[in-house]
Each structure stands twice: as structure tokens, then as C-alpha cells.
Amino acid sequence: MNHTESAYGLWSLVILNSAIFIMFAFSFFKPNTARDWRTFSAFAAFVVALFVEMYGFPLTIYLLSGWLQTRFPGLDLLSHNSGHLWSTLLGEKGDPHFGFLHIASYIFLGYGFYLLSTAWNVLYHAQRRHSLATAGPYARIRHPQYVAFVMILLGFLLQWPTLLTLAMFPILLLMYGRLAVTEETEMRSQFGETYEQYANQTPRFIPQFNQSSSSSSD
């Protein structure tokens, strides 16, 4: 293995990038309740774990180094491009930043943050009116903010997969799913039949664009 300069050990970039994405998400999500903070804290932990491996210490590359060197002789494991493991494993040539998966990751990240922002705006005004949020993205799905977080996490995984974040992802999916169920129980207690009618017409996570009204769906 030959390399000219390591792309890791850049802890200032770990701190800077983690802070940017966490504060960006915080500005849209604005957690208030203990549930909100659990949701946001799990997301923040994922982001920190991601950037630690992206710029700090490449734990995944280190653990897979023997296999990678055997499978891809001459691969510079300490270069930044090698950290884009999907591109490496798929045998893509050229700069991975212009590959299909990297472009797809930007789409997931961009739409995820957009959905998080629009959903929070609707929820904020509904809470001030002490009413049920049913407009905007809430007209399509019951939990757009959780869906937004999952889209952002998927965007990061498409861009820079690591063993730790891949392990965290299904745990976060389960966590968000359980939080959604808990939230629905609270909404039923607070809004009664109004929420029942809304839940019967609006899917939980996956929108149904081909129907004006549909039964509840997971």
C-alpha cells in the first residue's frame, strides 16, 4: 500500500462538520419535549460517529484493511476517496464524489432537511393553536419529521458507510418507530375521534400519492 498523505487525523474537521449538521438539524427540529431530545440525540450520535470515521480515525477501513488490500491490490486505504466504500466495492473508477450513489445521497440529504423544515413549521403553528397538525407534509404522512431523519441518515450512509453507522441505522429505525407509536397514543388521548379519522386516512410513514384517502399504513 502506497500513500502520500493521510486524509485522517483531521479532528478540527470532525468538530466543524458535526457542529454544522447538528446545528442545521437543530434549527429545523427545535426539540422541546424529552421525546424530541431522544430523537435528536440519536441523530446527533450518528452524525458524530460518521464524521469521526470520515476525518478522524477510519475504524471501518482499519478493521477491513486486510480484506480490502487482498480484494483491491494497490488501493490507497488512507486516501479520502477510499473511504467511499460503496464506490470501492462496486469497482467504480474516477472521483466518487461524482458517482451515482454520491449524487443520490445529496438528494436524500437535501429533501430530508427540506421535509424536516416544512414539517416543523406546520407542527409549530398547530401546537400554538392547540390543534392537530394535518397540513403540508402531515397531509400525506403522520410522521414526516421521523421520515426526514431517516432520509438524512440514508443520505449519509450512501455517501460514507461505516460499520458503526450501519449498525446504528436499524436501531434508530426501531427507535423512531416506537416513538411514533408512543406519539400516536398521546394524540389519540388528546384529540380522540379527530385523530382517529386523521389516522385512518393518512399513512404512518409511506405516502400514497395515487389515492385521495387511504387506510392507515406502516
C-alpha atoms as a PDB file:
ATOM      1  CA  MET A   1       0.000   0.000   0.000  1.00  0.00           C
ATOM      2  CA  ASN A   2       1.357   3.359  -1.032  1.00  0.00           C
ATOM      3  CA  HIS A   3       0.051   6.714   0.069  1.00  0.00           C
ATOM      4  CA  THR A   4       1.380  10.197   0.036  1.00  0.00           C
ATOM      5  CA  GLU A   5      -0.581  11.828   2.827  1.00  0.00           C
ATOM      6  CA  SER A   6      -3.236  10.558   5.229  1.00  0.00           C
ATOM      7  CA  ALA A   7      -6.721  12.032   4.923  1.00  0.00           C
ATOM      8  CA  TYR A   8      -7.406  11.303   8.595  1.00  0.00           C
ATOM      9  CA  GLY A   9      -6.495  12.769  11.962  1.00  0.00           C
ATOM     10  CA  LEU A  10      -8.280  15.976  10.950  1.00  0.00           C
ATOM     11  CA  TRP A  11     -10.148  16.431  14.205  1.00  0.00           C
ATOM     12  CA  SER A  12     -10.946  20.081  13.547  1.00  0.00           C
ATOM     13  CA  LEU A  13     -12.986  18.924  10.525  1.00  0.00           C
ATOM     14  CA  VAL A  14     -14.711  16.319  12.683  1.00  0.00           C
ATOM     15  CA  ILE A  15     -15.816  19.033  15.102  1.00  0.00           C
ATOM     16  CA  LEU A  16     -16.704  21.561  12.395  1.00  0.00           C
ATOM     17  CA  ASN A  17     -18.760  19.214  10.203  1.00  0.00           C
ATOM     18  CA  SER A  18     -20.514  17.594  13.167  1.00  0.00           C
ATOM     19  CA  ALA A  19     -21.427  21.018  14.550  1.00  0.00           C
ATOM     20  CA  ILE A  20     -22.705  22.275  11.188  1.00  0.00           C
ATOM     21  CA  PHE A  21     -25.037  19.339  10.538  1.00  0.00           C
ATOM     22  CA  ILE A  22     -26.221  19.034  14.126  1.00  0.00           C
ATOM     23  CA  MET A  23     -26.971  22.755  14.423  1.00  0.00           C
ATOM     24  CA  PHE A  24     -28.594  22.743  10.986  1.00  0.00           C
ATOM     25  CA  ALA A  25     -30.919  19.930  12.054  1.00  0.00           C
ATOM     26  CA  PHE A  26     -31.492  21.597  15.435  1.00  0.00           C
ATOM     27  CA  SER A  27     -32.589  24.826  13.738  1.00  0.00           C
ATOM     28  CA  PHE A  28     -35.315  22.906  11.894  1.00  0.00           C
ATOM     29  CA  PHE A  29     -36.346  20.374  14.535  1.00  0.00           C
ATOM     30  CA  LYS A  30     -36.133  22.549  17.673  1.00  0.00           C
ATOM     31  CA  PRO A  31     -36.617  19.775  20.289  1.00  0.00           C
ATOM     32  CA  ASN A  32     -38.800  20.706  23.244  1.00  0.00           C
ATOM     33  CA  THR A  33     -40.009  17.520  24.915  1.00  0.00           C
ATOM     34  CA  ALA A  34     -37.979  14.627  26.327  1.00  0.00           C
ATOM     35  CA  ARG A  35     -39.099  12.578  23.315  1.00  0.00           C
ATOM     36  CA  ASP A  36     -37.856  15.254  20.949  1.00  0.00           C
ATOM     37  CA  TRP A  37     -34.471  15.280  22.675  1.00  0.00           C
ATOM     38  CA  ARG A  38     -34.172  11.486  22.448  1.00  0.00           C
ATOM     39  CA  THR A  39     -34.903  11.679  18.730  1.00  0.00           C
ATOM     40  CA  PHE A  40     -32.403  14.450  18.176  1.00  0.00           C
ATOM     41  CA  SER A  41     -29.716  12.951  20.425  1.00  0.00           C
ATOM     42  CA  ALA A  42     -29.787   9.677  18.494  1.00  0.00           C
ATOM     43  CA  PHE A  43     -29.426  11.592  15.243  1.00  0.00           C
ATOM     44  CA  ALA A  44     -26.546  13.652  16.664  1.00  0.00           C
ATOM     45  CA  ALA A  45     -24.732  10.492  17.833  1.00  0.00           C
ATOM     46  CA  PHE A  46     -24.997   9.059  14.324  1.00  0.00           C
ATOM     47  CA  VAL A  47     -23.586  12.255  12.799  1.00  0.00           C
ATOM     48  CA  VAL A  48     -20.639  12.382  15.204  1.00  0.00           C
ATOM     49  CA  ALA A  49     -19.841   8.694  14.594  1.00  0.00           C
ATOM     50  CA  LEU A  50     -19.930   9.339  10.858  1.00  0.00           C
ATOM     51  CA  PHE A  51     -17.560  12.304  10.832  1.00  0.00           C
ATOM     52  CA  VAL A  52     -15.154  10.701  13.302  1.00  0.00           C
ATOM     53  CA  GLU A  53     -14.576   7.983  10.720  1.00  0.00           C
ATOM     54  CA  MET A  54     -14.705  10.353   7.775  1.00  0.00           C
ATOM     55  CA  TYR A  55     -11.984  12.702   9.037  1.00  0.00           C
ATOM     56  CA  GLY A  56     -10.705  11.420  12.394  1.00  0.00           C
ATOM     57  CA  PHE A  57      -9.909   7.723  12.687  1.00  0.00           C
ATOM     58  CA  PRO A  58     -11.036   5.288   9.923  1.00  0.00           C
ATOM     59  CA  LEU A  59     -12.115   2.419  12.165  1.00  0.00           C
ATOM     60  CA  THR A  60     -14.005   0.626   9.386  1.00  0.00           C
ATOM     61  CA  ILE A  61     -11.066   0.896   6.982  1.00  0.00           C
ATOM     62  CA  TYR A  62      -8.733  -0.341   9.728  1.00  0.00           C
ATOM     63  CA  LEU A  63     -10.885  -3.373  10.541  1.00  0.00           C
ATOM     64  CA  LEU A  64     -11.356  -4.258   6.865  1.00  0.00           C
ATOM     65  CA  SER A  65      -7.834  -3.342   5.757  1.00  0.00           C
ATOM     66  CA  GLY A  66      -6.616  -6.933   5.324  1.00  0.00           C
ATOM     67  CA  TRP A  67      -9.593  -7.927   3.192  1.00  0.00           C
ATOM     68  CA  LEU A  68      -9.548  -4.681   1.204  1.00  0.00           C
ATOM     69  CA  GLN A  69      -5.855  -4.994   0.364  1.00  0.00           C
ATOM     70  CA  THR A  70      -6.413  -8.565  -0.813  1.00  0.00           C
ATOM     71  CA  ARG A  71      -9.531  -7.700  -2.803  1.00  0.00           C
ATOM     72  CA  PHE A  72      -8.216  -4.424  -4.215  1.00  0.00           C
ATOM     73  CA  PRO A  73      -4.406  -4.578  -4.534  1.00  0.00           C
ATOM     74  CA  GLY A  74      -2.765  -1.176  -4.682  1.00  0.00           C
ATOM     75  CA  LEU A  75      -5.720   0.602  -3.076  1.00  0.00           C
ATOM     76  CA  ASP A  76      -4.574   3.600  -1.015  1.00  0.00           C
ATOM     77  CA  LEU A  77      -6.506   2.915   2.173  1.00  0.00           C
ATOM     78  CA  LEU A  78      -5.571   6.234   3.769  1.00  0.00           C
ATOM     79  CA  SER A  79      -6.852   8.376   0.917  1.00  0.00           C
ATOM     80  CA  HIS A  80     -10.189  10.143   1.329  1.00  0.00           C
ATOM     81  CA  ASN A  81     -11.668   8.559  -1.796  1.00  0.00           C
ATOM     82  CA  SER A  82     -11.138   5.051  -0.423  1.00  0.00           C
ATOM     83  CA  GLY A  83     -13.468   5.890   2.456  1.00  0.00           C
ATOM     84  CA  HIS A  84     -16.351   5.989  -0.027  1.00  0.00           C
ATOM     85  CA  LEU A  85     -16.635   2.240   0.354  1.00  0.00           C
ATOM     86  CA  TRP A  86     -19.663   1.741  -1.881  1.00  0.00           C
ATOM     87  CA  SER A  87     -17.704   3.136  -4.830  1.00  0.00           C
ATOM     88  CA  THR A  88     -14.702   0.973  -3.942  1.00  0.00           C
ATOM     89  CA  LEU A  89     -16.757  -2.206  -3.526  1.00  0.00           C
ATOM     90  CA  LEU A  90     -18.645  -1.588  -6.775  1.00  0.00           C
ATOM     91  CA  GLY A  91     -15.377  -1.066  -8.620  1.00  0.00           C
ATOM     92  CA  GLU A  92     -16.257   2.442  -9.767  1.00  0.00           C
ATOM     93  CA  LYS A  93     -13.490   4.474 -11.373  1.00  0.00           C
ATOM     94  CA  GLY A  94     -12.828   8.185 -11.050  1.00  0.00           C
ATOM     95  CA  ASP A  95     -13.835  10.626  -8.352  1.00  0.00           C
ATOM     96  CA  PRO A  96     -16.560   9.033  -6.149  1.00  0.00           C
ATOM     97  CA  HIS A  97     -17.985  12.486  -5.426  1.00  0.00           C
ATOM     98  CA  PHE A  98     -19.465  12.450  -8.944  1.00  0.00           C
ATOM     99  CA  GLY A  99     -20.747   8.881  -8.791  1.00  0.00           C
ATOM    100  CA  PHE A 100     -24.409   7.888  -8.837  1.00  0.00           C
ATOM    101  CA  LEU A 101     -24.567   6.965  -5.142  1.00  0.00           C
ATOM    102  CA  HIS A 102     -22.956  10.222  -4.071  1.00  0.00           C
ATOM    103  CA  ILE A 103     -25.422  12.236  -6.149  1.00  0.00           C
ATOM    104  CA  ALA A 104     -28.289  10.157  -4.729  1.00  0.00           C
ATOM    105  CA  SER A 105     -27.004  10.914  -1.226  1.00  0.00           C
ATOM    106  CA  TYR A 106     -27.283  14.645  -1.900  1.00  0.00           C
ATOM    107  CA  ILE A 107     -30.904  14.150  -2.993  1.00  0.00           C
ATOM    108  CA  PHE A 108     -31.742  12.257   0.201  1.00  0.00           C
ATOM    109  CA  LEU A 109     -29.943  14.820   2.363  1.00  0.00           C
ATOM    110  CA  GLY A 110     -31.474  17.822   0.616  1.00  0.00           C
ATOM    111  CA  TYR A 111     -35.031  16.534   0.641  1.00  0.00           C
ATOM    112  CA  GLY A 112     -34.633  15.212   4.180  1.00  0.00           C
ATOM    113  CA  PHE A 113     -33.670  18.628   5.539  1.00  0.00           C
ATOM    114  CA  TYR A 114     -36.411  20.275   3.453  1.00  0.00           C
ATOM    115  CA  LEU A 115     -39.018  17.861   4.834  1.00  0.00           C
ATOM    116  CA  LEU A 116     -37.744  18.406   8.373  1.00  0.00           C
ATOM    117  CA  SER A 117     -38.072  22.166   7.953  1.00  0.00           C
ATOM    118  CA  THR A 118     -41.551  22.194   6.406  1.00  0.00           C
ATOM    119  CA  ALA A 119     -42.884  19.636   8.880  1.00  0.00           C
ATOM    120  CA  TRP A 120     -41.606  21.606  11.870  1.00  0.00           C
ATOM    121  CA  ASN A 121     -43.209  24.796  10.536  1.00  0.00           C
ATOM    122  CA  VAL A 122     -46.616  23.097  10.270  1.00  0.00           C
ATOM    123  CA  LEU A 123     -46.268  21.433  13.682  1.00  0.00           C
ATOM    124  CA  TYR A 124     -45.176  24.675  15.352  1.00  0.00           C
ATOM    125  CA  HIS A 125     -48.251  26.585  14.207  1.00  0.00           C
ATOM    126  CA  ALA A 126     -50.555  23.664  15.059  1.00  0.00           C
ATOM    127  CA  GLN A 127     -49.151  23.485  18.581  1.00  0.00           C
ATOM    128  CA  ARG A 128     -49.669  27.215  19.059  1.00  0.00           C
ATOM    129  CA  ARG A 129     -53.320  26.751  18.052  1.00  0.00           C
ATOM    130  CA  HIS A 130     -53.586  23.611  20.238  1.00  0.00           C
ATOM    131  CA  SER A 131     -54.804  21.760  17.153  1.00  0.00           C
ATOM    132  CA  LEU A 132     -53.809  18.652  15.211  1.00  0.00           C
ATOM    133  CA  ALA A 133     -51.156  19.083  12.512  1.00  0.00           C
ATOM    134  CA  THR A 134     -52.756  17.908   9.263  1.00  0.00           C
ATOM    135  CA  ALA A 135     -51.440  20.350   6.646  1.00  0.00           C
ATOM    136  CA  GLY A 136     -48.344  20.295   4.452  1.00  0.00           C
ATOM    137  CA  PRO A 137     -46.406  17.024   4.753  1.00  0.00           C
ATOM    138  CA  TYR A 138     -48.747  15.933   7.562  1.00  0.00           C
ATOM    139  CA  ALA A 139     -51.471  15.655   4.941  1.00  0.00           C
ATOM    140  CA  ARG A 140     -49.501  12.803   3.333  1.00  0.00           C
ATOM    141  CA  ILE A 141     -47.936  11.008   6.302  1.00  0.00           C
ATOM    142  CA  ARG A 142     -48.430  11.097  10.050  1.00  0.00           C
ATOM    143  CA  HIS A 143     -44.739  11.372  10.997  1.00  0.00           C
ATOM    144  CA  PRO A 144     -42.867  13.449   8.403  1.00  0.00           C
ATOM    145  CA  GLN A 145     -40.160  14.518  10.867  1.00  0.00           C
ATOM    146  CA  TYR A 146     -39.143  10.928  11.612  1.00  0.00           C
ATOM    147  CA  VAL A 147     -39.184  10.151   7.889  1.00  0.00           C
ATOM    148  CA  ALA A 148     -36.978  13.211   7.328  1.00  0.00           C
ATOM    149  CA  PHE A 149     -34.410  11.975   9.849  1.00  0.00           C
ATOM    150  CA  VAL A 150     -34.348   8.545   8.189  1.00  0.00           C
ATOM    151  CA  MET A 151     -33.824  10.117   4.765  1.00  0.00           C
ATOM    152  CA  ILE A 152     -30.896  12.149   6.096  1.00  0.00           C
ATOM    153  CA  LEU A 153     -29.360   9.055   7.684  1.00  0.00           C
ATOM    154  CA  LEU A 154     -29.773   7.149   4.406  1.00  0.00           C
ATOM    155  CA  GLY A 155     -28.098  10.008   2.569  1.00  0.00           C
ATOM    156  CA  PHE A 156     -25.097   9.790   4.869  1.00  0.00           C
ATOM    157  CA  LEU A 157     -24.911   6.002   4.518  1.00  0.00           C
ATOM    158  CA  LEU A 158     -24.958   6.214   0.730  1.00  0.00           C
ATOM    159  CA  GLN A 159     -22.109   8.695   0.893  1.00  0.00           C
ATOM    160  CA  TRP A 160     -19.874   7.210   3.583  1.00  0.00           C
ATOM    161  CA  PRO A 161     -20.818   3.819   5.076  1.00  0.00           C
ATOM    162  CA  THR A 162     -19.116   2.666   8.279  1.00  0.00           C
ATOM    163  CA  LEU A 163     -19.576  -0.439  10.388  1.00  0.00           C
ATOM    164  CA  LEU A 164     -20.746   1.651  13.349  1.00  0.00           C
ATOM    165  CA  THR A 165     -23.308   3.756  11.472  1.00  0.00           C
ATOM    166  CA  LEU A 166     -24.589   0.696   9.582  1.00  0.00           C
ATOM    167  CA  ALA A 167     -25.121  -0.994  12.955  1.00  0.00           C
ATOM    168  CA  MET A 168     -26.775   2.127  14.389  1.00  0.00           C
ATOM    169  CA  PHE A 169     -29.182   2.575  11.469  1.00  0.00           C
ATOM    170  CA  PRO A 170     -31.619  -0.304  12.206  1.00  0.00           C
ATOM    171  CA  ILE A 171     -31.535   0.613  15.904  1.00  0.00           C
ATOM    172  CA  LEU A 172     -32.540   4.173  15.020  1.00  0.00           C
ATOM    173  CA  LEU A 173     -35.296   2.879  12.723  1.00  0.00           C
ATOM    174  CA  LEU A 174     -36.703   0.841  15.616  1.00  0.00           C
ATOM    175  CA  MET A 175     -36.363   3.804  17.964  1.00  0.00           C
ATOM    176  CA  TYR A 176     -38.199   6.173  15.621  1.00  0.00           C
ATOM    177  CA  GLY A 177     -40.900   3.574  15.001  1.00  0.00           C
ATOM    178  CA  ARG A 178     -41.518   3.137  18.730  1.00  0.00           C
ATOM    179  CA  LEU A 179     -41.525   6.900  19.280  1.00  0.00           C
ATOM    180  CA  ALA A 180     -44.108   7.264  16.502  1.00  0.00           C
ATOM    181  CA  VAL A 181     -46.396   4.727  18.173  1.00  0.00           C
ATOM    182  CA  THR A 182     -45.995   6.468  21.535  1.00  0.00           C
ATOM    183  CA  GLU A 183     -46.756   9.811  19.933  1.00  0.00           C
ATOM    184  CA  GLU A 184     -49.914   8.409  18.312  1.00  0.00           C
ATOM    185  CA  THR A 185     -51.140   7.129  21.671  1.00  0.00           C
ATOM    186  CA  GLU A 186     -50.757  10.630  23.093  1.00  0.00           C
ATOM    187  CA  MET A 187     -52.540  12.191  20.104  1.00  0.00           C
ATOM    188  CA  ARG A 188     -55.463   9.768  20.460  1.00  0.00           C
ATOM    189  CA  SER A 189     -55.737  10.702  24.120  1.00  0.00           C
ATOM    190  CA  GLN A 190     -55.636  14.406  23.318  1.00  0.00           C
ATOM    191  CA  PHE A 191     -57.748  14.634  20.141  1.00  0.00           C
ATOM    192  CA  GLY A 192     -59.890  11.487  20.299  1.00  0.00           C
ATOM    193  CA  GLU A 193     -62.091  10.841  17.273  1.00  0.00           C
ATOM    194  CA  THR A 194     -60.481  13.670  15.308  1.00  0.00           C
ATOM    195  CA  TYR A 195     -57.155  11.891  15.405  1.00  0.00           C
ATOM    196  CA  GLU A 196     -58.762   8.516  14.644  1.00  0.00           C
ATOM    197  CA  GLN A 197     -60.254   9.916  11.433  1.00  0.00           C
ATOM    198  CA  TYR A 198     -56.920  11.506  10.501  1.00  0.00           C
ATOM    199  CA  ALA A 199     -55.001   8.271  11.201  1.00  0.00           C
ATOM    200  CA  ASN A 200     -57.462   6.219   9.145  1.00  0.00           C
ATOM    201  CA  GLN A 201     -56.944   8.486   6.143  1.00  0.00           C
ATOM    202  CA  THR A 202     -53.204   9.164   6.457  1.00  0.00           C
ATOM    203  CA  PRO A 203     -50.426   6.548   6.243  1.00  0.00           C
ATOM    204  CA  ARG A 204     -47.890   6.428   9.060  1.00  0.00           C
ATOM    205  CA  PHE A 205     -44.639   6.645   7.089  1.00  0.00           C
ATOM    206  CA  ILE A 206     -45.118   5.902   3.376  1.00  0.00           C
ATOM    207  CA  PRO A 207     -47.338   8.315   1.406  1.00  0.00           C
ATOM    208  CA  GLN A 208     -49.922   7.029  -1.061  1.00  0.00           C
ATOM    209  CA  PHE A 209     -49.966   9.532  -3.887  1.00  0.00           C
ATOM    210  CA  ASN A 210     -52.423   7.602  -6.019  1.00  0.00           C
ATOM    211  CA  GLN A 211     -55.299   7.894  -3.571  1.00  0.00           C
ATOM    212  CA  SER A 212     -57.042  10.915  -2.098  1.00  0.00           C
ATOM    213  CA  SER A 213     -57.724   8.962   1.050  1.00  0.00           C
ATOM    214  CA  SER A 214     -56.366   5.668   2.199  1.00  0.00           C
ATOM    215  CA  SER A 215     -56.272   3.386   5.151  1.00  0.00           C
ATOM    216  CA  SER A 216     -53.520   3.605   7.719  1.00  0.00           C
ATOM    217  CA  SER A 217     -50.244   2.070   6.575  1.00  0.00           C
ATOM    218  CA  ASP A 218     -46.939   1.344   8.204  1.00  0.00           C
END
